[in-house]
Protein backbone atom coordinates (compact mmCIF):
# COMPACT_ATOMS: atom_id res chain seq x y z
CA UNK A 1 0.93 8.24 -18.54
CA UNK A 2 2.78 8.87 -15.21
CA UNK A 3 -0.31 8.55 -13.27
CA UNK A 4 -1.19 5.15 -14.82
CA UNK A 5 2.29 3.83 -14.05
CA UNK A 6 2.06 5.11 -10.52
CA UNK A 7 -1.35 3.50 -9.89
CA UNK A 8 -0.11 0.20 -11.40
CA UNK A 9 2.97 0.27 -9.04
CA UNK A 10 0.72 1.08 -6.12
CA UNK A 11 -1.68 -1.81 -6.78
CA UNK A 12 1.33 -4.15 -7.40
CA UNK A 13 2.73 -3.06 -4.00
CA UNK A 14 -0.57 -3.78 -2.37
CA UNK A 15 -0.80 -7.26 -3.90
CA UNK A 16 2.72 -8.09 -2.79
CA UNK A 17 1.98 -6.91 0.79
CA UNK A 18 -1.28 -8.98 0.88
CA UNK A 19 0.51 -12.07 -0.36
CA UNK A 20 3.39 -11.51 2.12
CA UNK A 21 0.97 -11.16 5.03
CA UNK A 22 -1.11 -14.15 3.93
CA UNK A 23 1.89 -16.38 3.62
CA UNK A 24 3.43 -15.51 7.01
CA UNK A 25 0.85 -16.42 9.55
CA UNK A 26 3.28 -15.55 12.32
CA UNK A 27 3.05 -11.88 11.47
CA UNK A 28 -0.54 -11.85 12.55
CA UNK A 29 0.34 -13.03 16.02
CA UNK A 30 2.97 -10.28 16.19
CA UNK A 31 1.63 -7.09 17.94
CA UNK A 32 3.58 -5.07 15.40
CA UNK A 33 1.28 -6.42 12.67
CA UNK A 34 -1.35 -3.86 13.29
CA UNK A 35 1.20 -1.09 13.18
CA UNK A 36 2.69 -2.37 9.90
CA UNK A 37 -0.81 -2.67 8.39
CA UNK A 38 -1.80 0.78 9.42
CA UNK A 39 1.44 2.24 8.01
CA UNK A 40 0.85 0.42 4.73
CA UNK A 41 -2.70 1.89 4.52
CA UNK A 42 -1.50 5.31 5.46
CA UNK A 43 1.18 5.16 2.71
CA UNK A 44 -1.47 4.20 0.12
CA UNK A 45 -3.80 7.04 1.10
CA UNK A 46 -0.92 9.53 0.88
CA UNK A 47 0.15 8.19 -2.55
CA UNK A 48 -3.47 8.34 -3.88
CA UNK A 49 -3.92 11.86 -2.61
CA UNK A 50 -0.62 12.80 -4.29
CA UNK A 51 -1.72 11.23 -7.54
CA UNK A 52 -4.99 13.09 -7.39
CA UNK A 53 -3.15 16.31 -6.68
CA UNK A 54 -0.98 15.76 -9.83
CA UNK A 55 -4.11 14.88 -11.84
CA UNK A 56 -5.94 18.09 -10.89
CA UNK A 57 -3.00 20.46 -11.25
């Protein structure tokens, strides 16, 4: 149950981020855009690994 809720929140977060980045075209011209994007991906990977760890334990 907790894992399902976690994955739902994670996908919701990803959708919100994608919509935010798509709406604000100025962000793509910003050199910090790549850093923000990489941080976002890194957070997702960490969260998924954490969820898998919970699942297997």
